[in-house]
Amino acid sequence: MNKADCFHLGYVAKLHGFKGEVSLFLDVTNPEDYETLDALFIEINGQLSPFFIQEFKLKNKGFAAVKFEGVNSENEARILLRKNLFLPAQILPPLSGKNFYDHEVVGFTVIDESFGEVGIIETIIDLQVNPLIQIMNGSKEVLVPLIEGIVQNVDRKKKTMTIKAPPGLIELYLS
C-alpha cells in the first residue's frame, strides 16, 4: 500500500497491558466510526505494514485499546510505539459541498472573499479546541481558525477553498 493512497488515522500511543495490547490515539473527528475496523496499516521504517485487529475497545477522548494478531508480548508491542496509523482513502465515503476530509484539501488554493487569493493549504492542524487551516503564501504562514461559517465553498474540481476570514486576519499575516 502506498502512503499517498492513504489517510492518517492516528498513532500508537502507549502499551496497554502485558500481552501485546496497545493504546491507539485516533486523530479523527468521530473515533466511533472506526470501531469495526478489522485491519489497518502501521508505518514502520517508512513502509506501510498491514496489521489485523483481534480486539478493539474504544475508550474516551479518541483512544482505543487494541490487540493485533501476532503481537503477543510487551516487547513485540513496544516496537509499534509512536508509529503512525493509516487506512486506504478509498474506504472513506465521498463528501460534498463544504464538508471535507482534512487530507483531501491539502494542496488546495485558498481564496478569501475579501482579500482574494491567500495561498496553498499545507495542512489542517486538528487541535481539539481550535482546529486551524495552515496556509502557505510563499514562505509566510497564515493560520485561519476552522470554525463554523469560515469555509464558504470547496471546489474539488478546481482544487480551491473559498473562505470568509475574520476582518483583518489575513492582512495581519501578509502585511
N, C-alpha and C. Protein backbone atom coordinates (compact mmCIF):
# COMPACT_ATOMS: atom_id res chain seq x y z
N MET A 1 0.85 -1.18 0.00
CA MET A 1 0.00 0.00 0.00
C MET A 1 0.89 1.24 0.00
N ASN A 2 0.55 2.19 -0.84
CA ASN A 2 1.30 3.44 -0.97
C ASN A 2 0.71 4.48 -0.01
N LYS A 3 1.56 5.17 0.71
CA LYS A 3 1.12 6.18 1.68
C LYS A 3 0.29 7.28 1.02
N ALA A 4 0.58 7.60 -0.23
CA ALA A 4 -0.15 8.64 -0.96
C ALA A 4 -1.61 8.26 -1.19
N ASP A 5 -1.91 6.97 -1.13
CA ASP A 5 -3.28 6.49 -1.33
C ASP A 5 -4.02 6.30 -0.01
N CYS A 6 -3.43 6.78 1.07
CA CYS A 6 -4.00 6.56 2.40
C CYS A 6 -4.24 7.88 3.13
N PHE A 7 -4.96 7.77 4.24
CA PHE A 7 -5.11 8.92 5.12
C PHE A 7 -4.59 8.55 6.50
N HIS A 8 -4.09 9.54 7.20
CA HIS A 8 -3.53 9.36 8.54
C HIS A 8 -4.66 9.18 9.52
N LEU A 9 -4.66 8.06 10.24
CA LEU A 9 -5.71 7.73 11.20
C LEU A 9 -5.34 8.14 12.61
N GLY A 10 -4.07 8.09 12.94
CA GLY A 10 -3.62 8.39 14.30
C GLY A 10 -2.26 7.77 14.52
N TYR A 11 -2.01 7.33 15.78
CA TYR A 11 -0.72 6.71 16.09
C TYR A 11 -0.86 5.77 17.27
N VAL A 12 0.14 4.92 17.44
CA VAL A 12 0.19 4.01 18.59
C VAL A 12 0.72 4.83 19.76
N ALA A 13 -0.12 5.06 20.77
CA ALA A 13 0.21 5.98 21.84
C ALA A 13 1.03 5.34 22.97
N LYS A 14 0.61 4.15 23.42
CA LYS A 14 1.30 3.53 24.56
C LYS A 14 0.95 2.06 24.65
N LEU A 15 1.67 1.37 25.53
CA LEU A 15 1.36 -0.03 25.79
C LEU A 15 0.08 -0.09 26.63
N HIS A 16 -0.63 -1.19 26.49
CA HIS A 16 -1.88 -1.37 27.24
C HIS A 16 -1.92 -2.82 27.71
N GLY A 17 -1.31 -3.09 28.86
CA GLY A 17 -1.26 -4.45 29.37
C GLY A 17 0.05 -5.12 29.04
N PHE A 18 0.11 -6.45 29.28
CA PHE A 18 1.36 -7.19 29.16
C PHE A 18 1.32 -8.26 28.07
N LYS A 19 0.22 -8.38 27.34
CA LYS A 19 0.09 -9.44 26.34
C LYS A 19 0.09 -8.89 24.92
N GLY A 20 0.76 -7.75 24.72
CA GLY A 20 0.90 -7.19 23.39
C GLY A 20 -0.15 -6.16 23.02
N GLU A 21 -1.04 -5.82 23.95
CA GLU A 21 -2.06 -4.81 23.65
C GLU A 21 -1.42 -3.42 23.62
N VAL A 22 -2.00 -2.57 22.79
CA VAL A 22 -1.54 -1.18 22.71
C VAL A 22 -2.74 -0.24 22.79
N SER A 23 -2.46 0.98 23.08
CA SER A 23 -3.47 2.03 23.08
C SER A 23 -3.21 2.91 21.87
N LEU A 24 -4.23 3.05 21.01
CA LEU A 24 -4.12 3.89 19.83
C LEU A 24 -4.77 5.23 20.09
N PHE A 25 -4.20 6.29 19.53
CA PHE A 25 -4.90 7.57 19.51
C PHE A 25 -5.42 7.76 18.10
N LEU A 26 -6.75 7.85 17.98
CA LEU A 26 -7.39 8.05 16.67
C LEU A 26 -7.60 9.54 16.47
N ASP A 27 -6.82 10.12 15.59
CA ASP A 27 -6.84 11.56 15.35
C ASP A 27 -7.88 11.89 14.27
N VAL A 28 -9.13 11.61 14.61
CA VAL A 28 -10.24 11.79 13.69
C VAL A 28 -11.40 12.46 14.42
N THR A 29 -12.34 13.00 13.66
CA THR A 29 -13.48 13.69 14.26
C THR A 29 -14.40 12.75 15.01
N ASN A 30 -14.69 11.58 14.43
CA ASN A 30 -15.60 10.61 15.06
C ASN A 30 -14.91 9.26 15.22
N PRO A 31 -14.19 9.04 16.32
CA PRO A 31 -13.49 7.77 16.53
C PRO A 31 -14.43 6.56 16.47
N GLU A 32 -15.67 6.74 16.85
CA GLU A 32 -16.63 5.61 16.84
C GLU A 32 -16.88 5.07 15.42
N ASP A 33 -16.58 5.86 14.39
CA ASP A 33 -16.72 5.39 13.01
C ASP A 33 -15.75 4.25 12.69
N TYR A 34 -14.74 4.06 13.54
CA TYR A 34 -13.68 3.09 13.25
C TYR A 34 -13.72 1.88 14.19
N GLU A 35 -14.78 1.73 14.97
CA GLU A 35 -14.90 0.63 15.92
C GLU A 35 -14.92 -0.75 15.26
N THR A 36 -15.35 -0.83 14.02
CA THR A 36 -15.48 -2.12 13.34
C THR A 36 -14.29 -2.45 12.44
N LEU A 37 -13.21 -1.71 12.58
CA LEU A 37 -12.02 -1.99 11.76
C LEU A 37 -11.54 -3.42 11.99
N ASP A 38 -11.15 -4.07 10.91
CA ASP A 38 -10.55 -5.39 11.07
C ASP A 38 -9.05 -5.37 10.74
N ALA A 39 -8.59 -4.28 10.14
CA ALA A 39 -7.16 -4.15 9.82
C ALA A 39 -6.83 -2.68 9.60
N LEU A 40 -5.54 -2.37 9.70
CA LEU A 40 -5.04 -1.04 9.38
C LEU A 40 -3.58 -1.17 9.02
N PHE A 41 -2.98 -0.07 8.59
CA PHE A 41 -1.57 -0.07 8.23
C PHE A 41 -0.79 0.73 9.27
N ILE A 42 0.36 0.20 9.64
CA ILE A 42 1.26 0.91 10.55
C ILE A 42 2.55 1.20 9.79
N GLU A 43 3.00 2.44 9.88
CA GLU A 43 4.24 2.84 9.18
C GLU A 43 5.44 2.43 10.01
N ILE A 44 6.22 1.49 9.46
CA ILE A 44 7.42 1.01 10.12
C ILE A 44 8.58 1.16 9.14
N ASN A 45 9.58 1.93 9.55
CA ASN A 45 10.75 2.20 8.70
C ASN A 45 10.34 2.72 7.31
N GLY A 46 9.36 3.62 7.27
CA GLY A 46 8.94 4.24 6.02
C GLY A 46 8.03 3.40 5.15
N GLN A 47 7.71 2.18 5.59
CA GLN A 47 6.84 1.30 4.82
C GLN A 47 5.53 1.06 5.58
N LEU A 48 4.43 0.94 4.84
CA LEU A 48 3.15 0.63 5.47
C LEU A 48 2.97 -0.88 5.56
N SER A 49 2.84 -1.37 6.78
CA SER A 49 2.66 -2.80 7.01
C SER A 49 1.25 -3.06 7.52
N PRO A 50 0.57 -4.07 6.96
CA PRO A 50 -0.79 -4.37 7.43
C PRO A 50 -0.78 -5.08 8.78
N PHE A 51 -1.68 -4.69 9.65
CA PHE A 51 -1.87 -5.35 10.94
C PHE A 51 -3.36 -5.65 11.08
N PHE A 52 -3.64 -6.91 11.46
CA PHE A 52 -5.03 -7.34 11.62
C PHE A 52 -5.43 -7.22 13.08
N ILE A 53 -6.63 -6.70 13.29
CA ILE A 53 -7.11 -6.41 14.63
C ILE A 53 -7.87 -7.61 15.19
N GLN A 54 -7.40 -8.08 16.34
CA GLN A 54 -8.04 -9.19 17.03
C GLN A 54 -9.12 -8.67 17.96
N GLU A 55 -8.82 -7.55 18.63
CA GLU A 55 -9.77 -6.97 19.59
C GLU A 55 -9.64 -5.45 19.56
N PHE A 56 -10.77 -4.74 19.63
CA PHE A 56 -10.79 -3.28 19.56
C PHE A 56 -11.82 -2.75 20.56
N LYS A 57 -11.36 -1.97 21.53
CA LYS A 57 -12.26 -1.38 22.52
C LYS A 57 -12.04 0.13 22.53
N LEU A 58 -13.06 0.86 22.11
CA LEU A 58 -12.97 2.32 22.09
C LEU A 58 -13.03 2.83 23.52
N LYS A 59 -12.09 3.69 23.87
CA LYS A 59 -12.06 4.32 25.20
C LYS A 59 -12.57 5.75 25.02
N ASN A 60 -12.14 6.66 25.87
CA ASN A 60 -12.60 8.05 25.74
C ASN A 60 -11.52 8.93 25.12
N LYS A 61 -11.94 10.09 24.64
CA LYS A 61 -11.05 11.12 24.08
C LYS A 61 -10.22 10.62 22.90
N GLY A 62 -10.80 9.74 22.07
CA GLY A 62 -10.12 9.31 20.86
C GLY A 62 -9.16 8.14 21.04
N PHE A 63 -9.10 7.55 22.22
CA PHE A 63 -8.21 6.43 22.46
C PHE A 63 -8.95 5.11 22.31
N ALA A 64 -8.21 4.08 21.90
CA ALA A 64 -8.77 2.74 21.77
C ALA A 64 -7.73 1.73 22.21
N ALA A 65 -8.18 0.73 22.99
CA ALA A 65 -7.31 -0.38 23.39
C ALA A 65 -7.43 -1.43 22.29
N VAL A 66 -6.28 -1.85 21.74
CA VAL A 66 -6.28 -2.75 20.59
C VAL A 66 -5.31 -3.91 20.82
N LYS A 67 -5.75 -5.08 20.38
CA LYS A 67 -4.89 -6.27 20.34
C LYS A 67 -4.76 -6.66 18.88
N PHE A 68 -3.52 -6.65 18.38
CA PHE A 68 -3.25 -7.04 17.00
C PHE A 68 -2.90 -8.53 16.96
N GLU A 69 -3.30 -9.19 15.88
CA GLU A 69 -2.92 -10.58 15.67
C GLU A 69 -1.41 -10.65 15.52
N GLY A 70 -0.79 -11.64 16.17
CA GLY A 70 0.65 -11.85 16.04
C GLY A 70 1.50 -10.97 16.94
N VAL A 71 0.89 -10.05 17.68
CA VAL A 71 1.64 -9.23 18.64
C VAL A 71 1.22 -9.73 20.02
N ASN A 72 2.10 -10.54 20.64
CA ASN A 72 1.70 -11.26 21.84
C ASN A 72 2.51 -10.97 23.09
N SER A 73 3.41 -10.00 22.99
CA SER A 73 4.20 -9.66 24.18
C SER A 73 4.41 -8.15 24.24
N GLU A 74 4.83 -7.74 25.43
CA GLU A 74 5.13 -6.32 25.64
C GLU A 74 6.27 -5.88 24.72
N ASN A 75 7.28 -6.73 24.53
CA ASN A 75 8.42 -6.39 23.67
C ASN A 75 7.99 -6.24 22.21
N GLU A 76 7.11 -7.13 21.73
CA GLU A 76 6.62 -7.02 20.35
C GLU A 76 5.79 -5.75 20.17
N ALA A 77 5.01 -5.41 21.17
CA ALA A 77 4.16 -4.21 21.11
C ALA A 77 5.00 -2.93 21.19
N ARG A 78 6.08 -2.99 21.96
CA ARG A 78 6.94 -1.81 22.15
C ARG A 78 7.49 -1.29 20.82
N ILE A 79 7.72 -2.18 19.86
CA ILE A 79 8.23 -1.80 18.53
C ILE A 79 7.24 -0.89 17.81
N LEU A 80 5.96 -0.99 18.14
CA LEU A 80 4.92 -0.21 17.46
C LEU A 80 4.70 1.17 18.06
N LEU A 81 5.28 1.42 19.24
CA LEU A 81 5.04 2.70 19.91
C LEU A 81 5.43 3.89 19.05
N ARG A 82 4.59 4.91 19.07
CA ARG A 82 4.77 6.18 18.35
C ARG A 82 4.72 6.03 16.83
N LYS A 83 4.30 4.89 16.34
CA LYS A 83 4.20 4.68 14.89
C LYS A 83 2.85 5.20 14.40
N ASN A 84 2.85 5.75 13.18
CA ASN A 84 1.65 6.31 12.58
C ASN A 84 0.76 5.22 11.99
N LEU A 85 -0.55 5.46 12.07
CA LEU A 85 -1.57 4.54 11.57
C LEU A 85 -2.19 5.12 10.31
N PHE A 86 -2.46 4.25 9.32
CA PHE A 86 -3.06 4.70 8.07
C PHE A 86 -4.16 3.73 7.64
N LEU A 87 -5.10 4.27 6.87
CA LEU A 87 -6.14 3.49 6.21
C LEU A 87 -6.23 3.94 4.76
N PRO A 88 -6.63 3.05 3.85
CA PRO A 88 -6.79 3.46 2.45
C PRO A 88 -7.86 4.55 2.32
N ALA A 89 -7.56 5.60 1.58
CA ALA A 89 -8.51 6.71 1.39
C ALA A 89 -9.79 6.24 0.70
N GLN A 90 -9.70 5.17 -0.08
CA GLN A 90 -10.87 4.68 -0.83
C GLN A 90 -11.99 4.17 0.07
N ILE A 91 -11.70 3.87 1.35
CA ILE A 91 -12.77 3.38 2.22
C ILE A 91 -13.65 4.51 2.75
N LEU A 92 -13.19 5.74 2.58
CA LEU A 92 -13.97 6.88 3.06
C LEU A 92 -15.11 7.19 2.08
N PRO A 93 -16.31 7.43 2.61
CA PRO A 93 -17.37 7.84 1.69
C PRO A 93 -17.08 9.24 1.16
N PRO A 94 -17.37 9.50 -0.12
CA PRO A 94 -17.09 10.84 -0.66
C PRO A 94 -17.96 11.90 0.02
N LEU A 95 -17.36 13.04 0.26
CA LEU A 95 -18.10 14.17 0.84
C LEU A 95 -18.39 15.18 -0.25
N SER A 96 -19.38 16.02 -0.01
CA SER A 96 -19.72 17.04 -0.99
C SER A 96 -19.97 18.36 -0.27
N GLY A 97 -20.15 19.39 -1.07
CA GLY A 97 -20.41 20.72 -0.51
C GLY A 97 -19.22 21.24 0.28
N LYS A 98 -19.50 21.84 1.42
CA LYS A 98 -18.45 22.43 2.25
C LYS A 98 -17.77 21.40 3.16
N ASN A 99 -18.29 20.19 3.19
CA ASN A 99 -17.70 19.14 4.02
C ASN A 99 -16.48 18.56 3.32
N PHE A 100 -15.42 18.28 4.09
CA PHE A 100 -14.20 17.73 3.51
C PHE A 100 -13.43 16.96 4.56
N TYR A 101 -12.59 16.04 4.08
CA TYR A 101 -11.63 15.37 4.94
C TYR A 101 -10.38 16.23 4.97
N ASP A 102 -9.73 16.27 6.12
CA ASP A 102 -8.54 17.11 6.27
C ASP A 102 -7.51 16.83 5.18
N HIS A 103 -7.21 15.56 4.93
CA HIS A 103 -6.17 15.21 3.95
C HIS A 103 -6.59 15.56 2.52
N GLU A 104 -7.89 15.64 2.29
CA GLU A 104 -8.43 15.87 0.94
C GLU A 104 -8.09 17.27 0.41
N VAL A 105 -8.00 18.27 1.29
CA VAL A 105 -7.84 19.65 0.84
C VAL A 105 -6.38 20.14 0.86
N VAL A 106 -5.46 19.28 1.29
CA VAL A 106 -4.05 19.67 1.27
C VAL A 106 -3.66 19.94 -0.19
N GLY A 107 -3.06 21.11 -0.42
CA GLY A 107 -2.68 21.50 -1.78
C GLY A 107 -3.71 22.37 -2.48
N PHE A 108 -4.90 22.52 -1.88
CA PHE A 108 -5.93 23.39 -2.46
C PHE A 108 -5.51 24.85 -2.30
N THR A 109 -5.93 25.70 -3.26
CA THR A 109 -5.71 27.14 -3.17
C THR A 109 -6.83 27.74 -2.34
N VAL A 110 -6.48 28.60 -1.39
CA VAL A 110 -7.47 29.27 -0.54
C VAL A 110 -7.73 30.67 -1.07
N ILE A 111 -9.02 30.98 -1.24
CA ILE A 111 -9.44 32.30 -1.70
C ILE A 111 -10.35 32.89 -0.62
N ASP A 112 -9.96 34.03 -0.10
CA ASP A 112 -10.79 34.73 0.88
C ASP A 112 -11.72 35.68 0.15
N GLU A 113 -12.98 35.74 0.57
CA GLU A 113 -13.98 36.58 -0.11
C GLU A 113 -13.57 38.05 -0.16
N SER A 114 -12.87 38.55 0.86
CA SER A 114 -12.47 39.95 0.89
C SER A 114 -11.05 40.17 0.36
N PHE A 115 -10.12 39.32 0.76
CA PHE A 115 -8.71 39.51 0.46
C PHE A 115 -8.33 39.01 -0.94
N GLY A 116 -8.96 37.94 -1.39
CA GLY A 116 -8.58 37.31 -2.66
C GLY A 116 -7.76 36.06 -2.38
N GLU A 117 -6.85 35.72 -3.31
CA GLU A 117 -6.05 34.50 -3.14
C GLU A 117 -5.09 34.64 -1.96
N VAL A 118 -5.17 33.68 -1.03
CA VAL A 118 -4.36 33.72 0.20
C VAL A 118 -3.11 32.85 0.06
N GLY A 119 -3.26 31.64 -0.48
CA GLY A 119 -2.13 30.73 -0.59
C GLY A 119 -2.62 29.29 -0.73
N ILE A 120 -1.73 28.36 -0.42
CA ILE A 120 -1.99 26.93 -0.59
C ILE A 120 -2.11 26.27 0.78
N ILE A 121 -3.10 25.39 0.93
CA ILE A 121 -3.27 24.68 2.20
C ILE A 121 -2.12 23.70 2.38
N GLU A 122 -1.40 23.88 3.46
CA GLU A 122 -0.29 22.99 3.83
C GLU A 122 -0.84 21.79 4.61
N THR A 123 -1.71 22.07 5.56
CA THR A 123 -2.33 21.02 6.38
C THR A 123 -3.49 21.61 7.17
N ILE A 124 -4.27 20.73 7.75
CA ILE A 124 -5.28 21.14 8.73
C ILE A 124 -4.70 20.73 10.07
N ILE A 125 -4.49 21.69 10.94
CA ILE A 125 -3.97 21.41 12.28
C ILE A 125 -5.18 21.11 13.15
N ASP A 126 -5.33 19.84 13.48
CA ASP A 126 -6.56 19.37 14.11
C ASP A 126 -6.48 19.45 15.63
N LEU A 127 -6.40 20.67 16.14
CA LEU A 127 -6.43 20.88 17.59
C LEU A 127 -7.88 20.72 18.05
N GLN A 128 -8.08 19.99 19.14
CA GLN A 128 -9.43 19.70 19.58
C GLN A 128 -10.23 20.97 19.89
N VAL A 129 -9.60 21.92 20.54
CA VAL A 129 -10.30 23.14 20.94
C VAL A 129 -10.45 24.12 19.77
N ASN A 130 -9.42 24.22 18.92
CA ASN A 130 -9.42 25.23 17.88
C ASN A 130 -8.68 24.72 16.64
N PRO A 131 -9.34 23.92 15.78
CA PRO A 131 -8.65 23.47 14.56
C PRO A 131 -8.31 24.66 13.66
N LEU A 132 -7.21 24.53 12.92
CA LEU A 132 -6.71 25.63 12.09
C LEU A 132 -6.41 25.15 10.68
N ILE A 133 -6.62 26.04 9.72
CA ILE A 133 -6.18 25.80 8.35
C ILE A 133 -4.81 26.46 8.25
N GLN A 134 -3.76 25.66 7.96
CA GLN A 134 -2.43 26.21 7.78
C GLN A 134 -2.22 26.45 6.30
N ILE A 135 -2.07 27.72 5.94
CA ILE A 135 -1.94 28.14 4.54
C ILE A 135 -0.56 28.74 4.36
N MET A 136 0.10 28.36 3.26
CA MET A 136 1.41 28.93 2.96
C MET A 136 1.29 29.88 1.78
N ASN A 137 1.79 31.10 1.98
CA ASN A 137 1.84 32.11 0.93
C ASN A 137 3.32 32.40 0.74
N GLY A 138 3.94 31.68 -0.21
CA GLY A 138 5.39 31.75 -0.33
C GLY A 138 6.00 31.16 0.92
N SER A 139 6.80 31.96 1.62
CA SER A 139 7.40 31.48 2.87
C SER A 139 6.62 31.94 4.10
N LYS A 140 5.51 32.66 3.89
CA LYS A 140 4.71 33.16 5.01
C LYS A 140 3.57 32.19 5.32
N GLU A 141 3.41 31.95 6.62
CA GLU A 141 2.34 31.07 7.09
C GLU A 141 1.13 31.90 7.50
N VAL A 142 -0.05 31.42 7.14
CA VAL A 142 -1.31 32.05 7.55
C VAL A 142 -2.13 30.97 8.25
N LEU A 143 -2.57 31.25 9.48
CA LEU A 143 -3.40 30.31 10.23
C LEU A 143 -4.81 30.88 10.35
N VAL A 144 -5.78 30.13 9.87
CA VAL A 144 -7.18 30.57 9.91
C VAL A 144 -7.96 29.56 10.76
N PRO A 145 -8.69 30.04 11.77
CA PRO A 145 -9.47 29.10 12.59
C PRO A 145 -10.54 28.41 11.75
N LEU A 146 -10.67 27.12 11.95
CA LEU A 146 -11.65 26.35 11.19
C LEU A 146 -12.93 26.25 12.03
N ILE A 147 -13.61 27.40 12.13
CA ILE A 147 -14.84 27.46 12.92
C ILE A 147 -16.04 27.58 11.98
N GLU A 148 -17.21 27.38 12.54
CA GLU A 148 -18.46 27.44 11.78
C GLU A 148 -18.54 28.76 11.01
N GLY A 149 -18.84 28.68 9.72
CA GLY A 149 -19.04 29.87 8.90
C GLY A 149 -17.80 30.35 8.16
N ILE A 150 -16.62 29.80 8.46
CA ILE A 150 -15.39 30.24 7.78
C ILE A 150 -15.36 29.71 6.34
N VAL A 151 -15.57 28.39 6.18
CA VAL A 151 -15.50 27.78 4.85
C VAL A 151 -16.81 28.07 4.11
N GLN A 152 -16.68 28.72 2.96
CA GLN A 152 -17.85 29.08 2.16
C GLN A 152 -18.11 28.09 1.04
N ASN A 153 -17.00 27.53 0.47
CA ASN A 153 -17.14 26.62 -0.65
C ASN A 153 -15.87 25.79 -0.79
N VAL A 154 -16.06 24.52 -1.19
CA VAL A 154 -14.93 23.66 -1.52
C VAL A 154 -15.19 23.16 -2.94
N ASP A 155 -14.32 23.56 -3.87
CA ASP A 155 -14.46 23.15 -5.26
C ASP A 155 -13.38 22.11 -5.55
N ARG A 156 -13.80 20.85 -5.53
CA ARG A 156 -12.86 19.75 -5.70
C ARG A 156 -12.27 19.70 -7.10
N LYS A 157 -13.04 20.10 -8.11
CA LYS A 157 -12.53 20.08 -9.49
C LYS A 157 -11.45 21.13 -9.68
N LYS A 158 -11.67 22.34 -9.18
CA LYS A 158 -10.69 23.42 -9.32
C LYS A 158 -9.63 23.40 -8.22
N LYS A 159 -9.84 22.53 -7.21
CA LYS A 159 -8.94 22.44 -6.06
C LYS A 159 -8.80 23.79 -5.36
N THR A 160 -9.97 24.39 -5.04
CA THR A 160 -9.99 25.65 -4.31
C THR A 160 -10.92 25.55 -3.10
N MET A 161 -10.60 26.34 -2.10
CA MET A 161 -11.46 26.51 -0.93
C MET A 161 -11.69 28.00 -0.76
N THR A 162 -12.95 28.39 -0.76
CA THR A 162 -13.29 29.80 -0.53
C THR A 162 -13.65 29.95 0.94
N ILE A 163 -13.04 30.96 1.58
CA ILE A 163 -13.30 31.21 3.00
C ILE A 163 -13.75 32.64 3.22
N LYS A 164 -14.28 32.88 4.40
CA LYS A 164 -14.62 34.23 4.83
C LYS A 164 -13.94 34.41 6.18
N ALA A 165 -12.68 34.86 6.13
CA ALA A 165 -11.87 35.01 7.34
C ALA A 165 -12.35 36.24 8.13
N PRO A 166 -12.12 36.22 9.44
CA PRO A 166 -12.45 37.41 10.23
C PRO A 166 -11.73 38.63 9.66
N PRO A 167 -12.39 39.80 9.67
CA PRO A 167 -11.79 41.02 9.10
C PRO A 167 -10.39 41.30 9.66
N GLY A 168 -9.45 41.53 8.75
CA GLY A 168 -8.09 41.90 9.13
C GLY A 168 -7.15 40.73 9.44
N LEU A 169 -7.68 39.52 9.54
CA LEU A 169 -6.83 38.38 9.93
C LEU A 169 -5.77 38.08 8.87
N ILE A 170 -6.15 38.01 7.62
CA ILE A 170 -5.20 37.66 6.55
C ILE A 170 -4.16 38.78 6.42
N GLU A 171 -4.60 40.02 6.47
CA GLU A 171 -3.69 41.17 6.37
C GLU A 171 -2.67 41.16 7.51
N LEU A 172 -3.09 40.68 8.68
CA LEU A 172 -2.19 40.60 9.83
C LEU A 172 -0.98 39.72 9.52
N TYR A 173 -1.21 38.63 8.80
CA TYR A 173 -0.13 37.71 8.44
C TYR A 173 0.67 38.18 7.24
N LEU A 174 0.02 38.78 6.25
CA LEU A 174 0.67 39.05 4.97
C LEU A 174 1.12 40.49 4.76
N SER A 175 0.86 41.37 5.72
CA SER A 175 1.30 42.77 5.56
C SER A 175 2.73 42.95 6.02
